[in-house]
Amino acid sequence: MATRTVTIGSSSGLHARPAKLFVEAASEQPVEVRISTAAKAAVPARSLLAVMALGAHQGTEVTLEADDGPEADSALDTLAALLARDLDAEPDNA
């Protein structure tokens, strides 16, 4: 299983807008990705409600995981880079 650990960069954490952008990006990936925190078990990264229910705030460390495969590393790298950014500080079309 491929994994990445990343710290949430958005000032509002994985609240509505950043979570929506993350879920949209996860839905575009060719592999299914799960996201978890130290306090909450892994949930599907393509589920907005599940992602928001993690309650991840700015500075929360989250783990992304995907089954091994040729596209898993690329998908996790893309999503980890997205989570590390402050999505609240970026324009809507970023």
N, C-alpha and C. Protein backbone atom coordinates (compact mmCIF):
# COMPACT_ATOMS: atom_id res chain seq x y z
N MET A 1 0.85 -1.18 0.00
CA MET A 1 0.00 0.00 0.00
C MET A 1 0.89 1.24 0.00
N ALA A 2 0.60 2.14 -0.90
CA ALA A 2 1.33 3.42 -0.98
C ALA A 2 0.70 4.40 -0.01
N THR A 3 1.53 5.17 0.67
CA THR A 3 1.02 6.16 1.63
C THR A 3 1.82 7.45 1.52
N ARG A 4 1.19 8.53 1.94
CA ARG A 4 1.84 9.83 2.09
C ARG A 4 1.28 10.46 3.35
N THR A 5 2.13 11.12 4.09
CA THR A 5 1.69 11.89 5.25
C THR A 5 1.93 13.36 4.94
N VAL A 6 0.92 14.18 5.20
CA VAL A 6 1.01 15.60 4.84
C VAL A 6 0.29 16.41 5.91
N THR A 7 0.74 17.63 6.10
CA THR A 7 0.12 18.54 7.05
C THR A 7 -0.82 19.48 6.30
N ILE A 8 -2.04 19.62 6.80
CA ILE A 8 -3.04 20.46 6.16
C ILE A 8 -2.58 21.93 6.17
N GLY A 9 -2.56 22.55 4.99
CA GLY A 9 -2.09 23.92 4.89
C GLY A 9 -3.18 24.97 4.90
N SER A 10 -4.39 24.60 4.57
CA SER A 10 -5.47 25.59 4.48
C SER A 10 -5.82 26.15 5.84
N SER A 11 -6.02 27.46 5.88
CA SER A 11 -6.29 28.12 7.15
C SER A 11 -7.60 27.67 7.79
N SER A 12 -8.54 27.18 7.00
CA SER A 12 -9.79 26.67 7.57
C SER A 12 -9.77 25.15 7.67
N GLY A 13 -8.62 24.52 7.43
CA GLY A 13 -8.53 23.07 7.47
C GLY A 13 -9.29 22.46 6.32
N LEU A 14 -9.79 21.26 6.51
CA LEU A 14 -10.58 20.62 5.45
C LEU A 14 -12.04 20.96 5.66
N HIS A 15 -12.33 22.25 5.64
CA HIS A 15 -13.70 22.72 5.72
C HIS A 15 -14.24 22.80 4.30
N ALA A 16 -15.39 23.40 4.10
CA ALA A 16 -16.15 23.30 2.86
C ALA A 16 -15.33 23.48 1.57
N ARG A 17 -14.77 24.65 1.35
CA ARG A 17 -14.10 24.90 0.06
C ARG A 17 -12.87 24.02 -0.14
N PRO A 18 -11.94 24.00 0.81
CA PRO A 18 -10.77 23.14 0.62
C PRO A 18 -11.15 21.66 0.48
N ALA A 19 -12.14 21.21 1.25
CA ALA A 19 -12.57 19.82 1.15
C ALA A 19 -13.16 19.54 -0.22
N LYS A 20 -13.94 20.48 -0.74
CA LYS A 20 -14.54 20.31 -2.08
C LYS A 20 -13.44 20.20 -3.14
N LEU A 21 -12.44 21.06 -3.06
CA LEU A 21 -11.35 21.01 -4.03
C LEU A 21 -10.58 19.70 -3.93
N PHE A 22 -10.38 19.24 -2.70
CA PHE A 22 -9.67 17.98 -2.49
C PHE A 22 -10.47 16.81 -3.06
N VAL A 23 -11.76 16.77 -2.76
CA VAL A 23 -12.61 15.67 -3.24
C VAL A 23 -12.68 15.67 -4.77
N GLU A 24 -12.79 16.85 -5.37
CA GLU A 24 -12.80 16.93 -6.83
C GLU A 24 -11.50 16.37 -7.40
N ALA A 25 -10.38 16.74 -6.80
CA ALA A 25 -9.08 16.24 -7.28
C ALA A 25 -8.97 14.73 -7.07
N ALA A 26 -9.46 14.25 -5.93
CA ALA A 26 -9.42 12.80 -5.66
C ALA A 26 -10.29 12.04 -6.66
N SER A 27 -11.41 12.63 -7.05
CA SER A 27 -12.31 11.98 -8.00
C SER A 27 -11.71 11.90 -9.39
N GLU A 28 -10.75 12.74 -9.68
CA GLU A 28 -10.09 12.73 -10.99
C GLU A 28 -8.94 11.73 -11.05
N GLN A 29 -8.57 11.17 -9.91
CA GLN A 29 -7.44 10.24 -9.88
C GLN A 29 -7.87 8.87 -10.39
N PRO A 30 -6.96 8.15 -11.03
CA PRO A 30 -7.31 6.82 -11.58
C PRO A 30 -7.35 5.71 -10.54
N VAL A 31 -7.01 6.04 -9.30
CA VAL A 31 -7.04 5.05 -8.22
C VAL A 31 -7.86 5.61 -7.06
N GLU A 32 -8.41 4.71 -6.27
CA GLU A 32 -9.15 5.16 -5.08
C GLU A 32 -8.15 5.47 -3.97
N VAL A 33 -8.38 6.60 -3.33
CA VAL A 33 -7.51 7.07 -2.26
C VAL A 33 -8.34 7.20 -1.00
N ARG A 34 -7.73 6.87 0.12
CA ARG A 34 -8.37 7.03 1.43
C ARG A 34 -7.56 8.04 2.23
N ILE A 35 -8.23 8.73 3.14
CA ILE A 35 -7.56 9.75 3.96
C ILE A 35 -7.93 9.50 5.41
N SER A 36 -6.97 9.68 6.30
CA SER A 36 -7.23 9.48 7.73
C SER A 36 -6.42 10.48 8.54
N THR A 37 -6.81 10.60 9.80
CA THR A 37 -6.03 11.37 10.77
C THR A 37 -5.62 10.41 11.87
N ALA A 38 -4.85 10.90 12.82
CA ALA A 38 -4.45 10.04 13.94
C ALA A 38 -5.67 9.64 14.77
N ALA A 39 -6.70 10.49 14.77
CA ALA A 39 -7.88 10.24 15.59
C ALA A 39 -9.01 9.54 14.86
N LYS A 40 -9.00 9.59 13.53
CA LYS A 40 -10.12 9.03 12.76
C LYS A 40 -9.61 8.08 11.69
N ALA A 41 -10.36 6.99 11.52
CA ALA A 41 -9.99 5.96 10.55
C ALA A 41 -10.11 6.48 9.12
N ALA A 42 -9.50 5.76 8.23
CA ALA A 42 -9.49 6.14 6.82
C ALA A 42 -10.90 6.16 6.23
N VAL A 43 -11.13 7.20 5.41
CA VAL A 43 -12.41 7.35 4.71
C VAL A 43 -12.10 7.56 3.23
N PRO A 44 -13.08 7.32 2.36
CA PRO A 44 -12.85 7.54 0.94
C PRO A 44 -12.60 9.02 0.65
N ALA A 45 -11.55 9.31 -0.09
CA ALA A 45 -11.20 10.69 -0.41
C ALA A 45 -12.18 11.31 -1.41
N ARG A 46 -13.03 10.50 -2.01
CA ARG A 46 -14.00 11.01 -2.98
C ARG A 46 -15.33 11.38 -2.33
N SER A 47 -15.43 11.26 -1.01
CA SER A 47 -16.67 11.58 -0.29
C SER A 47 -16.52 12.89 0.47
N LEU A 48 -17.24 13.91 0.04
CA LEU A 48 -17.14 15.22 0.68
C LEU A 48 -17.54 15.15 2.16
N LEU A 49 -18.63 14.51 2.46
CA LEU A 49 -19.08 14.44 3.85
C LEU A 49 -18.08 13.68 4.72
N ALA A 50 -17.55 12.59 4.19
CA ALA A 50 -16.58 11.80 4.96
C ALA A 50 -15.30 12.60 5.20
N VAL A 51 -14.85 13.32 4.19
CA VAL A 51 -13.62 14.12 4.33
C VAL A 51 -13.84 15.23 5.36
N MET A 52 -14.98 15.92 5.26
CA MET A 52 -15.25 17.00 6.22
C MET A 52 -15.41 16.46 7.64
N ALA A 53 -15.96 15.24 7.76
CA ALA A 53 -16.17 14.65 9.08
C ALA A 53 -14.86 14.31 9.79
N LEU A 54 -13.75 14.30 9.06
CA LEU A 54 -12.46 14.06 9.71
C LEU A 54 -12.13 15.18 10.70
N GLY A 55 -12.68 16.37 10.45
CA GLY A 55 -12.42 17.49 11.35
C GLY A 55 -10.96 17.93 11.33
N ALA A 56 -10.33 17.82 10.18
CA ALA A 56 -8.91 18.17 10.07
C ALA A 56 -8.76 19.69 9.97
N HIS A 57 -8.02 20.26 10.89
CA HIS A 57 -7.76 21.69 10.92
C HIS A 57 -6.39 21.98 10.32
N GLN A 58 -6.10 23.26 10.13
CA GLN A 58 -4.77 23.65 9.65
C GLN A 58 -3.74 23.09 10.62
N GLY A 59 -2.74 22.46 10.10
CA GLY A 59 -1.69 21.87 10.92
C GLY A 59 -1.92 20.41 11.28
N THR A 60 -3.13 19.90 11.00
CA THR A 60 -3.41 18.49 11.27
C THR A 60 -2.63 17.63 10.28
N GLU A 61 -2.01 16.59 10.79
CA GLU A 61 -1.29 15.66 9.93
C GLU A 61 -2.28 14.59 9.47
N VAL A 62 -2.37 14.39 8.17
CA VAL A 62 -3.26 13.38 7.61
C VAL A 62 -2.44 12.38 6.81
N THR A 63 -2.98 11.19 6.69
CA THR A 63 -2.33 10.15 5.90
C THR A 63 -3.21 9.80 4.71
N LEU A 64 -2.61 9.79 3.55
CA LEU A 64 -3.28 9.36 2.33
C LEU A 64 -2.78 7.96 2.01
N GLU A 65 -3.68 7.11 1.56
CA GLU A 65 -3.26 5.76 1.19
C GLU A 65 -4.02 5.29 -0.04
N ALA A 66 -3.34 4.49 -0.82
CA ALA A 66 -3.94 3.90 -2.02
C ALA A 66 -3.32 2.52 -2.20
N ASP A 67 -4.08 1.63 -2.79
CA ASP A 67 -3.54 0.32 -3.09
C ASP A 67 -2.39 0.49 -4.07
N ASP A 68 -1.39 -0.37 -3.94
CA ASP A 68 -0.24 -0.30 -4.83
C ASP A 68 -0.68 -0.45 -6.28
N GLY A 69 -0.01 0.25 -7.12
CA GLY A 69 -0.32 0.18 -8.54
C GLY A 69 0.50 1.23 -9.25
N PRO A 70 0.54 1.16 -10.56
CA PRO A 70 1.39 2.07 -11.31
C PRO A 70 1.02 3.55 -11.16
N GLU A 71 -0.23 3.83 -10.82
CA GLU A 71 -0.66 5.23 -10.74
C GLU A 71 -0.85 5.72 -9.31
N ALA A 72 -0.63 4.86 -8.34
CA ALA A 72 -0.87 5.21 -6.94
C ALA A 72 0.07 6.32 -6.46
N ASP A 73 1.34 6.19 -6.75
CA ASP A 73 2.31 7.20 -6.27
C ASP A 73 2.01 8.58 -6.85
N SER A 74 1.71 8.63 -8.11
CA SER A 74 1.41 9.91 -8.76
C SER A 74 0.14 10.53 -8.16
N ALA A 75 -0.88 9.72 -7.94
CA ALA A 75 -2.13 10.23 -7.35
C ALA A 75 -1.88 10.77 -5.95
N LEU A 76 -1.12 10.03 -5.15
CA LEU A 76 -0.85 10.48 -3.78
C LEU A 76 0.01 11.73 -3.78
N ASP A 77 0.97 11.81 -4.66
CA ASP A 77 1.80 13.03 -4.75
C ASP A 77 0.95 14.24 -5.10
N THR A 78 0.04 14.08 -6.05
CA THR A 78 -0.84 15.18 -6.46
C THR A 78 -1.72 15.63 -5.31
N LEU A 79 -2.34 14.69 -4.63
CA LEU A 79 -3.26 15.05 -3.54
C LEU A 79 -2.51 15.59 -2.33
N ALA A 80 -1.34 15.07 -2.04
CA ALA A 80 -0.55 15.57 -0.91
C ALA A 80 -0.13 17.02 -1.16
N ALA A 81 0.28 17.31 -2.39
CA ALA A 81 0.68 18.68 -2.72
C ALA A 81 -0.50 19.63 -2.59
N LEU A 82 -1.67 19.18 -2.98
CA LEU A 82 -2.88 20.00 -2.85
C LEU A 82 -3.20 20.29 -1.39
N LEU A 83 -3.14 19.28 -0.55
CA LEU A 83 -3.46 19.45 0.87
C LEU A 83 -2.45 20.36 1.58
N ALA A 84 -1.24 20.37 1.14
CA ALA A 84 -0.21 21.18 1.80
C ALA A 84 -0.38 22.66 1.51
N ARG A 85 -1.09 22.99 0.43
CA ARG A 85 -1.28 24.39 0.06
C ARG A 85 -2.37 25.03 0.92
N ASP A 86 -2.34 26.37 0.98
CA ASP A 86 -3.43 27.10 1.64
C ASP A 86 -4.50 27.39 0.59
N LEU A 87 -5.41 26.47 0.43
CA LEU A 87 -6.44 26.60 -0.60
C LEU A 87 -7.37 27.77 -0.34
N ASP A 88 -7.44 28.24 0.89
CA ASP A 88 -8.28 29.40 1.21
C ASP A 88 -7.69 30.68 0.64
N ALA A 89 -6.40 30.69 0.40
CA ALA A 89 -5.72 31.89 -0.08
C ALA A 89 -5.65 31.94 -1.60
N GLU A 90 -6.16 30.91 -2.26
CA GLU A 90 -6.08 30.84 -3.72
C GLU A 90 -7.41 31.22 -4.35
N PRO A 91 -7.37 31.77 -5.56
CA PRO A 91 -8.62 32.09 -6.25
C PRO A 91 -9.43 30.82 -6.53
N ASP A 92 -10.72 31.00 -6.76
CA ASP A 92 -11.61 29.85 -6.99
C ASP A 92 -11.20 28.99 -8.17
N ASN A 93 -10.58 29.57 -9.17
CA ASN A 93 -10.23 28.78 -10.36
C ASN A 93 -8.82 28.23 -10.28
N ALA A 94 -8.18 28.23 -9.09
CA ALA A 94 -6.82 27.70 -8.95
C ALA A 94 -6.83 26.19 -9.01
